[in-house]
Structures are given as C-alpha cells and as structure tokens.
Amino acid sequence: QMAQNVAQVANAVADPEFQQAAGD
C-alpha cells in the first residue's frame, strides 16, 4: 500500500500545485 502511495504521489509531484504531496 505504501508503494502504491509513493507511485501516486510521484506522478502528482511534477505539478507545482502539488508540492504538498512531496511531504506525503
């Protein structure tokens, strides 16, 4: 589950508006 979370966040971090996702 954590690996899936990492994959989802990695896809979203590319956009500057999702910088908070880097913490996740």
PDBML (XML) file of the C-alpha atoms, coordinates in Angstrom:
<?xml version="1.0" encoding="UTF-8" ?>
<PDBx:datablock datablockName="MODEL"
   xmlns:PDBx="http://pdbml.pdb.org/schema/pdbx-v50.xsd"
   xmlns:xsi="http://www.w3.org/2001/XMLSchema-instance"
   xsi:schemaLocation="http://pdbml.pdb.org/schema/pdbx-v50.xsd pdbx-v50.xsd">
   <PDBx:atom_siteCategory>
      <PDBx:atom_site id="1">
         <PDBx:B_iso_or_equiv>0.00</PDBx:B_iso_or_equiv>
         <PDBx:Cartn_x>0.000</PDBx:Cartn_x>
         <PDBx:Cartn_y>0.000</PDBx:Cartn_y>
         <PDBx:Cartn_z>0.000</PDBx:Cartn_z>
         <PDBx:auth_asym_id>A</PDBx:auth_asym_id>
         <PDBx:auth_atom_id>CA</PDBx:auth_atom_id>
         <PDBx:auth_comp_id>GLN</PDBx:auth_comp_id>
         <PDBx:auth_seq_id>1</PDBx:auth_seq_id>
         <PDBx:group_PDB>ATOM</PDBx:group_PDB>
         <PDBx:label_alt_id xsi:nil="true" />
         <PDBx:label_asym_id>A</PDBx:label_asym_id>
         <PDBx:label_atom_id>CA</PDBx:label_atom_id>
         <PDBx:label_comp_id>GLN</PDBx:label_comp_id>
         <PDBx:label_entity_id>1</PDBx:label_entity_id>
         <PDBx:label_seq_id>1</PDBx:label_seq_id>
         <PDBx:occupancy>1.00</PDBx:occupancy>
         <PDBx:pdbx_PDB_model_num>1</PDBx:pdbx_PDB_model_num>
         <PDBx:type_symbol>C</PDBx:type_symbol>
      </PDBx:atom_site>
      <PDBx:atom_site id="2">
         <PDBx:B_iso_or_equiv>0.00</PDBx:B_iso_or_equiv>
         <PDBx:Cartn_x>2.845</PDBx:Cartn_x>
         <PDBx:Cartn_y>2.394</PDBx:Cartn_y>
         <PDBx:Cartn_z>0.828</PDBx:Cartn_z>
         <PDBx:auth_asym_id>A</PDBx:auth_asym_id>
         <PDBx:auth_atom_id>CA</PDBx:auth_atom_id>
         <PDBx:auth_comp_id>MET</PDBx:auth_comp_id>
         <PDBx:auth_seq_id>2</PDBx:auth_seq_id>
         <PDBx:group_PDB>ATOM</PDBx:group_PDB>
         <PDBx:label_alt_id xsi:nil="true" />
         <PDBx:label_asym_id>A</PDBx:label_asym_id>
         <PDBx:label_atom_id>CA</PDBx:label_atom_id>
         <PDBx:label_comp_id>MET</PDBx:label_comp_id>
         <PDBx:label_entity_id>1</PDBx:label_entity_id>
         <PDBx:label_seq_id>2</PDBx:label_seq_id>
         <PDBx:occupancy>1.00</PDBx:occupancy>
         <PDBx:pdbx_PDB_model_num>1</PDBx:pdbx_PDB_model_num>
         <PDBx:type_symbol>C</PDBx:type_symbol>
      </PDBx:atom_site>
      <PDBx:atom_site id="3">
         <PDBx:B_iso_or_equiv>0.00</PDBx:B_iso_or_equiv>
         <PDBx:Cartn_x>4.493</PDBx:Cartn_x>
         <PDBx:Cartn_y>1.620</PDBx:Cartn_y>
         <PDBx:Cartn_z>-2.513</PDBx:Cartn_z>
         <PDBx:auth_asym_id>A</PDBx:auth_asym_id>
         <PDBx:auth_atom_id>CA</PDBx:auth_atom_id>
         <PDBx:auth_comp_id>ALA</PDBx:auth_comp_id>
         <PDBx:auth_seq_id>3</PDBx:auth_seq_id>
         <PDBx:group_PDB>ATOM</PDBx:group_PDB>
         <PDBx:label_alt_id xsi:nil="true" />
         <PDBx:label_asym_id>A</PDBx:label_asym_id>
         <PDBx:label_atom_id>CA</PDBx:label_atom_id>
         <PDBx:label_comp_id>ALA</PDBx:label_comp_id>
         <PDBx:label_entity_id>1</PDBx:label_entity_id>
         <PDBx:label_seq_id>3</PDBx:label_seq_id>
         <PDBx:occupancy>1.00</PDBx:occupancy>
         <PDBx:pdbx_PDB_model_num>1</PDBx:pdbx_PDB_model_num>
         <PDBx:type_symbol>C</PDBx:type_symbol>
      </PDBx:atom_site>
      <PDBx:atom_site id="4">
         <PDBx:B_iso_or_equiv>0.00</PDBx:B_iso_or_equiv>
         <PDBx:Cartn_x>1.244</PDBx:Cartn_x>
         <PDBx:Cartn_y>2.453</PDBx:Cartn_y>
         <PDBx:Cartn_z>-4.285</PDBx:Cartn_z>
         <PDBx:auth_asym_id>A</PDBx:auth_asym_id>
         <PDBx:auth_atom_id>CA</PDBx:auth_atom_id>
         <PDBx:auth_comp_id>GLN</PDBx:auth_comp_id>
         <PDBx:auth_seq_id>4</PDBx:auth_seq_id>
         <PDBx:group_PDB>ATOM</PDBx:group_PDB>
         <PDBx:label_alt_id xsi:nil="true" />
         <PDBx:label_asym_id>A</PDBx:label_asym_id>
         <PDBx:label_atom_id>CA</PDBx:label_atom_id>
         <PDBx:label_comp_id>GLN</PDBx:label_comp_id>
         <PDBx:label_entity_id>1</PDBx:label_entity_id>
         <PDBx:label_seq_id>4</PDBx:label_seq_id>
         <PDBx:occupancy>1.00</PDBx:occupancy>
         <PDBx:pdbx_PDB_model_num>1</PDBx:pdbx_PDB_model_num>
         <PDBx:type_symbol>C</PDBx:type_symbol>
      </PDBx:atom_site>
      <PDBx:atom_site id="5">
         <PDBx:B_iso_or_equiv>0.00</PDBx:B_iso_or_equiv>
         <PDBx:Cartn_x>1.066</PDBx:Cartn_x>
         <PDBx:Cartn_y>5.724</PDBx:Cartn_y>
         <PDBx:Cartn_z>-2.335</PDBx:Cartn_z>
         <PDBx:auth_asym_id>A</PDBx:auth_asym_id>
         <PDBx:auth_atom_id>CA</PDBx:auth_atom_id>
         <PDBx:auth_comp_id>ASN</PDBx:auth_comp_id>
         <PDBx:auth_seq_id>5</PDBx:auth_seq_id>
         <PDBx:group_PDB>ATOM</PDBx:group_PDB>
         <PDBx:label_alt_id xsi:nil="true" />
         <PDBx:label_asym_id>A</PDBx:label_asym_id>
         <PDBx:label_atom_id>CA</PDBx:label_atom_id>
         <PDBx:label_comp_id>ASN</PDBx:label_comp_id>
         <PDBx:label_entity_id>1</PDBx:label_entity_id>
         <PDBx:label_seq_id>5</PDBx:label_seq_id>
         <PDBx:occupancy>1.00</PDBx:occupancy>
         <PDBx:pdbx_PDB_model_num>1</PDBx:pdbx_PDB_model_num>
         <PDBx:type_symbol>C</PDBx:type_symbol>
      </PDBx:atom_site>
      <PDBx:atom_site id="6">
         <PDBx:B_iso_or_equiv>0.00</PDBx:B_iso_or_equiv>
         <PDBx:Cartn_x>4.621</PDBx:Cartn_x>
         <PDBx:Cartn_y>6.535</PDBx:Cartn_y>
         <PDBx:Cartn_z>-3.397</PDBx:Cartn_z>
         <PDBx:auth_asym_id>A</PDBx:auth_asym_id>
         <PDBx:auth_atom_id>CA</PDBx:auth_atom_id>
         <PDBx:auth_comp_id>VAL</PDBx:auth_comp_id>
         <PDBx:auth_seq_id>6</PDBx:auth_seq_id>
         <PDBx:group_PDB>ATOM</PDBx:group_PDB>
         <PDBx:label_alt_id xsi:nil="true" />
         <PDBx:label_asym_id>A</PDBx:label_asym_id>
         <PDBx:label_atom_id>CA</PDBx:label_atom_id>
         <PDBx:label_comp_id>VAL</PDBx:label_comp_id>
         <PDBx:label_entity_id>1</PDBx:label_entity_id>
         <PDBx:label_seq_id>6</PDBx:label_seq_id>
         <PDBx:occupancy>1.00</PDBx:occupancy>
         <PDBx:pdbx_PDB_model_num>1</PDBx:pdbx_PDB_model_num>
         <PDBx:type_symbol>C</PDBx:type_symbol>
      </PDBx:atom_site>
      <PDBx:atom_site id="7">
         <PDBx:B_iso_or_equiv>0.00</PDBx:B_iso_or_equiv>
         <PDBx:Cartn_x>3.770</PDBx:Cartn_x>
         <PDBx:Cartn_y>5.865</PDBx:Cartn_y>
         <PDBx:Cartn_z>-7.041</PDBx:Cartn_z>
         <PDBx:auth_asym_id>A</PDBx:auth_asym_id>
         <PDBx:auth_atom_id>CA</PDBx:auth_atom_id>
         <PDBx:auth_comp_id>ALA</PDBx:auth_comp_id>
         <PDBx:auth_seq_id>7</PDBx:auth_seq_id>
         <PDBx:group_PDB>ATOM</PDBx:group_PDB>
         <PDBx:label_alt_id xsi:nil="true" />
         <PDBx:label_asym_id>A</PDBx:label_asym_id>
         <PDBx:label_atom_id>CA</PDBx:label_atom_id>
         <PDBx:label_comp_id>ALA</PDBx:label_comp_id>
         <PDBx:label_entity_id>1</PDBx:label_entity_id>
         <PDBx:label_seq_id>7</PDBx:label_seq_id>
         <PDBx:occupancy>1.00</PDBx:occupancy>
         <PDBx:pdbx_PDB_model_num>1</PDBx:pdbx_PDB_model_num>
         <PDBx:type_symbol>C</PDBx:type_symbol>
      </PDBx:atom_site>
      <PDBx:atom_site id="8">
         <PDBx:B_iso_or_equiv>0.00</PDBx:B_iso_or_equiv>
         <PDBx:Cartn_x>0.668</PDBx:Cartn_x>
         <PDBx:Cartn_y>8.048</PDBx:Cartn_y>
         <PDBx:Cartn_z>-6.915</PDBx:Cartn_z>
         <PDBx:auth_asym_id>A</PDBx:auth_asym_id>
         <PDBx:auth_atom_id>CA</PDBx:auth_atom_id>
         <PDBx:auth_comp_id>GLN</PDBx:auth_comp_id>
         <PDBx:auth_seq_id>8</PDBx:auth_seq_id>
         <PDBx:group_PDB>ATOM</PDBx:group_PDB>
         <PDBx:label_alt_id xsi:nil="true" />
         <PDBx:label_asym_id>A</PDBx:label_asym_id>
         <PDBx:label_atom_id>CA</PDBx:label_atom_id>
         <PDBx:label_comp_id>GLN</PDBx:label_comp_id>
         <PDBx:label_entity_id>1</PDBx:label_entity_id>
         <PDBx:label_seq_id>8</PDBx:label_seq_id>
         <PDBx:occupancy>1.00</PDBx:occupancy>
         <PDBx:pdbx_PDB_model_num>1</PDBx:pdbx_PDB_model_num>
         <PDBx:type_symbol>C</PDBx:type_symbol>
      </PDBx:atom_site>
      <PDBx:atom_site id="9">
         <PDBx:B_iso_or_equiv>0.00</PDBx:B_iso_or_equiv>
         <PDBx:Cartn_x>2.495</PDBx:Cartn_x>
         <PDBx:Cartn_y>10.913</PDBx:Cartn_y>
         <PDBx:Cartn_z>-5.245</PDBx:Cartn_z>
         <PDBx:auth_asym_id>A</PDBx:auth_asym_id>
         <PDBx:auth_atom_id>CA</PDBx:auth_atom_id>
         <PDBx:auth_comp_id>VAL</PDBx:auth_comp_id>
         <PDBx:auth_seq_id>9</PDBx:auth_seq_id>
         <PDBx:group_PDB>ATOM</PDBx:group_PDB>
         <PDBx:label_alt_id xsi:nil="true" />
         <PDBx:label_asym_id>A</PDBx:label_asym_id>
         <PDBx:label_atom_id>CA</PDBx:label_atom_id>
         <PDBx:label_comp_id>VAL</PDBx:label_comp_id>
         <PDBx:label_entity_id>1</PDBx:label_entity_id>
         <PDBx:label_seq_id>9</PDBx:label_seq_id>
         <PDBx:occupancy>1.00</PDBx:occupancy>
         <PDBx:pdbx_PDB_model_num>1</PDBx:pdbx_PDB_model_num>
         <PDBx:type_symbol>C</PDBx:type_symbol>
      </PDBx:atom_site>
      <PDBx:atom_site id="10">
         <PDBx:B_iso_or_equiv>0.00</PDBx:B_iso_or_equiv>
         <PDBx:Cartn_x>5.458</PDBx:Cartn_x>
         <PDBx:Cartn_y>10.651</PDBx:Cartn_y>
         <PDBx:Cartn_z>-7.609</PDBx:Cartn_z>
         <PDBx:auth_asym_id>A</PDBx:auth_asym_id>
         <PDBx:auth_atom_id>CA</PDBx:auth_atom_id>
         <PDBx:auth_comp_id>ALA</PDBx:auth_comp_id>
         <PDBx:auth_seq_id>10</PDBx:auth_seq_id>
         <PDBx:group_PDB>ATOM</PDBx:group_PDB>
         <PDBx:label_alt_id xsi:nil="true" />
         <PDBx:label_asym_id>A</PDBx:label_asym_id>
         <PDBx:label_atom_id>CA</PDBx:label_atom_id>
         <PDBx:label_comp_id>ALA</PDBx:label_comp_id>
         <PDBx:label_entity_id>1</PDBx:label_entity_id>
         <PDBx:label_seq_id>10</PDBx:label_seq_id>
         <PDBx:occupancy>1.00</PDBx:occupancy>
         <PDBx:pdbx_PDB_model_num>1</PDBx:pdbx_PDB_model_num>
         <PDBx:type_symbol>C</PDBx:type_symbol>
      </PDBx:atom_site>
      <PDBx:atom_site id="11">
         <PDBx:B_iso_or_equiv>0.00</PDBx:B_iso_or_equiv>
         <PDBx:Cartn_x>3.088</PDBx:Cartn_x>
         <PDBx:Cartn_y>11.165</PDBx:Cartn_y>
         <PDBx:Cartn_z>-10.541</PDBx:Cartn_z>
         <PDBx:auth_asym_id>A</PDBx:auth_asym_id>
         <PDBx:auth_atom_id>CA</PDBx:auth_atom_id>
         <PDBx:auth_comp_id>ASN</PDBx:auth_comp_id>
         <PDBx:auth_seq_id>11</PDBx:auth_seq_id>
         <PDBx:group_PDB>ATOM</PDBx:group_PDB>
         <PDBx:label_alt_id xsi:nil="true" />
         <PDBx:label_asym_id>A</PDBx:label_asym_id>
         <PDBx:label_atom_id>CA</PDBx:label_atom_id>
         <PDBx:label_comp_id>ASN</PDBx:label_comp_id>
         <PDBx:label_entity_id>1</PDBx:label_entity_id>
         <PDBx:label_seq_id>11</PDBx:label_seq_id>
         <PDBx:occupancy>1.00</PDBx:occupancy>
         <PDBx:pdbx_PDB_model_num>1</PDBx:pdbx_PDB_model_num>
         <PDBx:type_symbol>C</PDBx:type_symbol>
      </PDBx:atom_site>
      <PDBx:atom_site id="12">
         <PDBx:B_iso_or_equiv>0.00</PDBx:B_iso_or_equiv>
         <PDBx:Cartn_x>1.472</PDBx:Cartn_x>
         <PDBx:Cartn_y>14.199</PDBx:Cartn_y>
         <PDBx:Cartn_z>-8.904</PDBx:Cartn_z>
         <PDBx:auth_asym_id>A</PDBx:auth_asym_id>
         <PDBx:auth_atom_id>CA</PDBx:auth_atom_id>
         <PDBx:auth_comp_id>ALA</PDBx:auth_comp_id>
         <PDBx:auth_seq_id>12</PDBx:auth_seq_id>
         <PDBx:group_PDB>ATOM</PDBx:group_PDB>
         <PDBx:label_alt_id xsi:nil="true" />
         <PDBx:label_asym_id>A</PDBx:label_asym_id>
         <PDBx:label_atom_id>CA</PDBx:label_atom_id>
         <PDBx:label_comp_id>ALA</PDBx:label_comp_id>
         <PDBx:label_entity_id>1</PDBx:label_entity_id>
         <PDBx:label_seq_id>12</PDBx:label_seq_id>
         <PDBx:occupancy>1.00</PDBx:occupancy>
         <PDBx:pdbx_PDB_model_num>1</PDBx:pdbx_PDB_model_num>
         <PDBx:type_symbol>C</PDBx:type_symbol>
      </PDBx:atom_site>
      <PDBx:atom_site id="13">
         <PDBx:B_iso_or_equiv>0.00</PDBx:B_iso_or_equiv>
         <PDBx:Cartn_x>4.625</PDBx:Cartn_x>
         <PDBx:Cartn_y>15.973</PDBx:Cartn_y>
         <PDBx:Cartn_z>-7.656</PDBx:Cartn_z>
         <PDBx:auth_asym_id>A</PDBx:auth_asym_id>
         <PDBx:auth_atom_id>CA</PDBx:auth_atom_id>
         <PDBx:auth_comp_id>VAL</PDBx:auth_comp_id>
         <PDBx:auth_seq_id>13</PDBx:auth_seq_id>
         <PDBx:group_PDB>ATOM</PDBx:group_PDB>
         <PDBx:label_alt_id xsi:nil="true" />
         <PDBx:label_asym_id>A</PDBx:label_asym_id>
         <PDBx:label_atom_id>CA</PDBx:label_atom_id>
         <PDBx:label_comp_id>VAL</PDBx:label_comp_id>
         <PDBx:label_entity_id>1</PDBx:label_entity_id>
         <PDBx:label_seq_id>13</PDBx:label_seq_id>
         <PDBx:occupancy>1.00</PDBx:occupancy>
         <PDBx:pdbx_PDB_model_num>1</PDBx:pdbx_PDB_model_num>
         <PDBx:type_symbol>C</PDBx:type_symbol>
      </PDBx:atom_site>
      <PDBx:atom_site id="14">
         <PDBx:B_iso_or_equiv>0.00</PDBx:B_iso_or_equiv>
         <PDBx:Cartn_x>5.580</PDBx:Cartn_x>
         <PDBx:Cartn_y>17.061</PDBx:Cartn_y>
         <PDBx:Cartn_z>-11.160</PDBx:Cartn_z>
         <PDBx:auth_asym_id>A</PDBx:auth_asym_id>
         <PDBx:auth_atom_id>CA</PDBx:auth_atom_id>
         <PDBx:auth_comp_id>ALA</PDBx:auth_comp_id>
         <PDBx:auth_seq_id>14</PDBx:auth_seq_id>
         <PDBx:group_PDB>ATOM</PDBx:group_PDB>
         <PDBx:label_alt_id xsi:nil="true" />
         <PDBx:label_asym_id>A</PDBx:label_asym_id>
         <PDBx:label_atom_id>CA</PDBx:label_atom_id>
         <PDBx:label_comp_id>ALA</PDBx:label_comp_id>
         <PDBx:label_entity_id>1</PDBx:label_entity_id>
         <PDBx:label_seq_id>14</PDBx:label_seq_id>
         <PDBx:occupancy>1.00</PDBx:occupancy>
         <PDBx:pdbx_PDB_model_num>1</PDBx:pdbx_PDB_model_num>
         <PDBx:type_symbol>C</PDBx:type_symbol>
      </PDBx:atom_site>
      <PDBx:atom_site id="15">
         <PDBx:B_iso_or_equiv>0.00</PDBx:B_iso_or_equiv>
         <PDBx:Cartn_x>2.971</PDBx:Cartn_x>
         <PDBx:Cartn_y>19.845</PDBx:Cartn_y>
         <PDBx:Cartn_z>-10.970</PDBx:Cartn_z>
         <PDBx:auth_asym_id>A</PDBx:auth_asym_id>
         <PDBx:auth_atom_id>CA</PDBx:auth_atom_id>
         <PDBx:auth_comp_id>ASP</PDBx:auth_comp_id>
         <PDBx:auth_seq_id>15</PDBx:auth_seq_id>
         <PDBx:group_PDB>ATOM</PDBx:group_PDB>
         <PDBx:label_alt_id xsi:nil="true" />
         <PDBx:label_asym_id>A</PDBx:label_asym_id>
         <PDBx:label_atom_id>CA</PDBx:label_atom_id>
         <PDBx:label_comp_id>ASP</PDBx:label_comp_id>
         <PDBx:label_entity_id>1</PDBx:label_entity_id>
         <PDBx:label_seq_id>15</PDBx:label_seq_id>
         <PDBx:occupancy>1.00</PDBx:occupancy>
         <PDBx:pdbx_PDB_model_num>1</PDBx:pdbx_PDB_model_num>
         <PDBx:type_symbol>C</PDBx:type_symbol>
      </PDBx:atom_site>
      <PDBx:atom_site id="16">
         <PDBx:B_iso_or_equiv>0.00</PDBx:B_iso_or_equiv>
         <PDBx:Cartn_x>3.963</PDBx:Cartn_x>
         <PDBx:Cartn_y>22.811</PDBx:Cartn_y>
         <PDBx:Cartn_z>-8.767</PDBx:Cartn_z>
         <PDBx:auth_asym_id>A</PDBx:auth_asym_id>
         <PDBx:auth_atom_id>CA</PDBx:auth_atom_id>
         <PDBx:auth_comp_id>PRO</PDBx:auth_comp_id>
         <PDBx:auth_seq_id>16</PDBx:auth_seq_id>
         <PDBx:group_PDB>ATOM</PDBx:group_PDB>
         <PDBx:label_alt_id xsi:nil="true" />
         <PDBx:label_asym_id>A</PDBx:label_asym_id>
         <PDBx:label_atom_id>CA</PDBx:label_atom_id>
         <PDBx:label_comp_id>PRO</PDBx:label_comp_id>
         <PDBx:label_entity_id>1</PDBx:label_entity_id>
         <PDBx:label_seq_id>16</PDBx:label_seq_id>
         <PDBx:occupancy>1.00</PDBx:occupancy>
         <PDBx:pdbx_PDB_model_num>1</PDBx:pdbx_PDB_model_num>
         <PDBx:type_symbol>C</PDBx:type_symbol>
      </PDBx:atom_site>
      <PDBx:atom_site id="17">
         <PDBx:B_iso_or_equiv>0.00</PDBx:B_iso_or_equiv>
         <PDBx:Cartn_x>0.472</PDBx:Cartn_x>
         <PDBx:Cartn_y>22.958</PDBx:Cartn_y>
         <PDBx:Cartn_z>-7.268</PDBx:Cartn_z>
         <PDBx:auth_asym_id>A</PDBx:auth_asym_id>
         <PDBx:auth_atom_id>CA</PDBx:auth_atom_id>
         <PDBx:auth_comp_id>GLU</PDBx:auth_comp_id>
         <PDBx:auth_seq_id>17</PDBx:auth_seq_id>
         <PDBx:group_PDB>ATOM</PDBx:group_PDB>
         <PDBx:label_alt_id xsi:nil="true" />
         <PDBx:label_asym_id>A</PDBx:label_asym_id>
         <PDBx:label_atom_id>CA</PDBx:label_atom_id>
         <PDBx:label_comp_id>GLU</PDBx:label_comp_id>
         <PDBx:label_entity_id>1</PDBx:label_entity_id>
         <PDBx:label_seq_id>17</PDBx:label_seq_id>
         <PDBx:occupancy>1.00</PDBx:occupancy>
         <PDBx:pdbx_PDB_model_num>1</PDBx:pdbx_PDB_model_num>
         <PDBx:type_symbol>C</PDBx:type_symbol>
      </PDBx:atom_site>
      <PDBx:atom_site id="18">
         <PDBx:B_iso_or_equiv>0.00</PDBx:B_iso_or_equiv>
         <PDBx:Cartn_x>1.041</PDBx:Cartn_x>
         <PDBx:Cartn_y>19.532</PDBx:Cartn_y>
         <PDBx:Cartn_z>-5.718</PDBx:Cartn_z>
         <PDBx:auth_asym_id>A</PDBx:auth_asym_id>
         <PDBx:auth_atom_id>CA</PDBx:auth_atom_id>
         <PDBx:auth_comp_id>PHE</PDBx:auth_comp_id>
         <PDBx:auth_seq_id>18</PDBx:auth_seq_id>
         <PDBx:group_PDB>ATOM</PDBx:group_PDB>
         <PDBx:label_alt_id xsi:nil="true" />
         <PDBx:label_asym_id>A</PDBx:label_asym_id>
         <PDBx:label_atom_id>CA</PDBx:label_atom_id>
         <PDBx:label_comp_id>PHE</PDBx:label_comp_id>
         <PDBx:label_entity_id>1</PDBx:label_entity_id>
         <PDBx:label_seq_id>18</PDBx:label_seq_id>
         <PDBx:occupancy>1.00</PDBx:occupancy>
         <PDBx:pdbx_PDB_model_num>1</PDBx:pdbx_PDB_model_num>
         <PDBx:type_symbol>C</PDBx:type_symbol>
      </PDBx:atom_site>
      <PDBx:atom_site id="19">
         <PDBx:B_iso_or_equiv>0.00</PDBx:B_iso_or_equiv>
         <PDBx:Cartn_x>4.175</PDBx:Cartn_x>
         <PDBx:Cartn_y>20.431</PDBx:Cartn_y>
         <PDBx:Cartn_z>-3.740</PDBx:Cartn_z>
         <PDBx:auth_asym_id>A</PDBx:auth_asym_id>
         <PDBx:auth_atom_id>CA</PDBx:auth_atom_id>
         <PDBx:auth_comp_id>GLN</PDBx:auth_comp_id>
         <PDBx:auth_seq_id>19</PDBx:auth_seq_id>
         <PDBx:group_PDB>ATOM</PDBx:group_PDB>
         <PDBx:label_alt_id xsi:nil="true" />
         <PDBx:label_asym_id>A</PDBx:label_asym_id>
         <PDBx:label_atom_id>CA</PDBx:label_atom_id>
         <PDBx:label_comp_id>GLN</PDBx:label_comp_id>
         <PDBx:label_entity_id>1</PDBx:label_entity_id>
         <PDBx:label_seq_id>19</PDBx:label_seq_id>
         <PDBx:occupancy>1.00</PDBx:occupancy>
         <PDBx:pdbx_PDB_model_num>1</PDBx:pdbx_PDB_model_num>
         <PDBx:type_symbol>C</PDBx:type_symbol>
      </PDBx:atom_site>
      <PDBx:atom_site id="20">
         <PDBx:B_iso_or_equiv>0.00</PDBx:B_iso_or_equiv>
         <PDBx:Cartn_x>2.414</PDBx:Cartn_x>
         <PDBx:Cartn_y>19.397</PDBx:Cartn_y>
         <PDBx:Cartn_z>-0.518</PDBx:Cartn_z>
         <PDBx:auth_asym_id>A</PDBx:auth_asym_id>
         <PDBx:auth_atom_id>CA</PDBx:auth_atom_id>
         <PDBx:auth_comp_id>GLN</PDBx:auth_comp_id>
         <PDBx:auth_seq_id>20</PDBx:auth_seq_id>
         <PDBx:group_PDB>ATOM</PDBx:group_PDB>
         <PDBx:label_alt_id xsi:nil="true" />
         <PDBx:label_asym_id>A</PDBx:label_asym_id>
         <PDBx:label_atom_id>CA</PDBx:label_atom_id>
         <PDBx:label_comp_id>GLN</PDBx:label_comp_id>
         <PDBx:label_entity_id>1</PDBx:label_entity_id>
         <PDBx:label_seq_id>20</PDBx:label_seq_id>
         <PDBx:occupancy>1.00</PDBx:occupancy>
         <PDBx:pdbx_PDB_model_num>1</PDBx:pdbx_PDB_model_num>
         <PDBx:type_symbol>C</PDBx:type_symbol>
      </PDBx:atom_site>
      <PDBx:atom_site id="21">
         <PDBx:B_iso_or_equiv>0.00</PDBx:B_iso_or_equiv>
         <PDBx:Cartn_x>2.335</PDBx:Cartn_x>
         <PDBx:Cartn_y>15.876</PDBx:Cartn_y>
         <PDBx:Cartn_z>-1.921</PDBx:Cartn_z>
         <PDBx:auth_asym_id>A</PDBx:auth_asym_id>
         <PDBx:auth_atom_id>CA</PDBx:auth_atom_id>
         <PDBx:auth_comp_id>ALA</PDBx:auth_comp_id>
         <PDBx:auth_seq_id>21</PDBx:auth_seq_id>
         <PDBx:group_PDB>ATOM</PDBx:group_PDB>
         <PDBx:label_alt_id xsi:nil="true" />
         <PDBx:label_asym_id>A</PDBx:label_asym_id>
         <PDBx:label_atom_id>CA</PDBx:label_atom_id>
         <PDBx:label_comp_id>ALA</PDBx:label_comp_id>
         <PDBx:label_entity_id>1</PDBx:label_entity_id>
         <PDBx:label_seq_id>21</PDBx:label_seq_id>
         <PDBx:occupancy>1.00</PDBx:occupancy>
         <PDBx:pdbx_PDB_model_num>1</PDBx:pdbx_PDB_model_num>
         <PDBx:type_symbol>C</PDBx:type_symbol>
      </PDBx:atom_site>
      <PDBx:atom_site id="22">
         <PDBx:B_iso_or_equiv>0.00</PDBx:B_iso_or_equiv>
         <PDBx:Cartn_x>6.116</PDBx:Cartn_x>
         <PDBx:Cartn_y>15.746</PDBx:Cartn_y>
         <PDBx:Cartn_z>-1.571</PDBx:Cartn_z>
         <PDBx:auth_asym_id>A</PDBx:auth_asym_id>
         <PDBx:auth_atom_id>CA</PDBx:auth_atom_id>
         <PDBx:auth_comp_id>ALA</PDBx:auth_comp_id>
         <PDBx:auth_seq_id>22</PDBx:auth_seq_id>
         <PDBx:group_PDB>ATOM</PDBx:group_PDB>
         <PDBx:label_alt_id xsi:nil="true" />
         <PDBx:label_asym_id>A</PDBx:label_asym_id>
         <PDBx:label_atom_id>CA</PDBx:label_atom_id>
         <PDBx:label_comp_id>ALA</PDBx:label_comp_id>
         <PDBx:label_entity_id>1</PDBx:label_entity_id>
         <PDBx:label_seq_id>22</PDBx:label_seq_id>
         <PDBx:occupancy>1.00</PDBx:occupancy>
         <PDBx:pdbx_PDB_model_num>1</PDBx:pdbx_PDB_model_num>
         <PDBx:type_symbol>C</PDBx:type_symbol>
      </PDBx:atom_site>
      <PDBx:atom_site id="23">
         <PDBx:B_iso_or_equiv>0.00</PDBx:B_iso_or_equiv>
         <PDBx:Cartn_x>5.580</PDBx:Cartn_x>
         <PDBx:Cartn_y>15.534</PDBx:Cartn_y>
         <PDBx:Cartn_z>2.185</PDBx:Cartn_z>
         <PDBx:auth_asym_id>A</PDBx:auth_asym_id>
         <PDBx:auth_atom_id>CA</PDBx:auth_atom_id>
         <PDBx:auth_comp_id>GLY</PDBx:auth_comp_id>
         <PDBx:auth_seq_id>23</PDBx:auth_seq_id>
         <PDBx:group_PDB>ATOM</PDBx:group_PDB>
         <PDBx:label_alt_id xsi:nil="true" />
         <PDBx:label_asym_id>A</PDBx:label_asym_id>
         <PDBx:label_atom_id>CA</PDBx:label_atom_id>
         <PDBx:label_comp_id>GLY</PDBx:label_comp_id>
         <PDBx:label_entity_id>1</PDBx:label_entity_id>
         <PDBx:label_seq_id>23</PDBx:label_seq_id>
         <PDBx:occupancy>1.00</PDBx:occupancy>
         <PDBx:pdbx_PDB_model_num>1</PDBx:pdbx_PDB_model_num>
         <PDBx:type_symbol>C</PDBx:type_symbol>
      </PDBx:atom_site>
      <PDBx:atom_site id="24">
         <PDBx:B_iso_or_equiv>0.00</PDBx:B_iso_or_equiv>
         <PDBx:Cartn_x>3.315</PDBx:Cartn_x>
         <PDBx:Cartn_y>12.526</PDBx:Cartn_y>
         <PDBx:Cartn_z>1.648</PDBx:Cartn_z>
         <PDBx:auth_asym_id>A</PDBx:auth_asym_id>
         <PDBx:auth_atom_id>CA</PDBx:auth_atom_id>
         <PDBx:auth_comp_id>ASP</PDBx:auth_comp_id>
         <PDBx:auth_seq_id>24</PDBx:auth_seq_id>
         <PDBx:group_PDB>ATOM</PDBx:group_PDB>
         <PDBx:label_alt_id xsi:nil="true" />
         <PDBx:label_asym_id>A</PDBx:label_asym_id>
         <PDBx:label_atom_id>CA</PDBx:label_atom_id>
         <PDBx:label_comp_id>ASP</PDBx:label_comp_id>
         <PDBx:label_entity_id>1</PDBx:label_entity_id>
         <PDBx:label_seq_id>24</PDBx:label_seq_id>
         <PDBx:occupancy>1.00</PDBx:occupancy>
         <PDBx:pdbx_PDB_model_num>1</PDBx:pdbx_PDB_model_num>
         <PDBx:type_symbol>C</PDBx:type_symbol>
      </PDBx:atom_site>
   </PDBx:atom_siteCategory>
</PDBx:datablock>
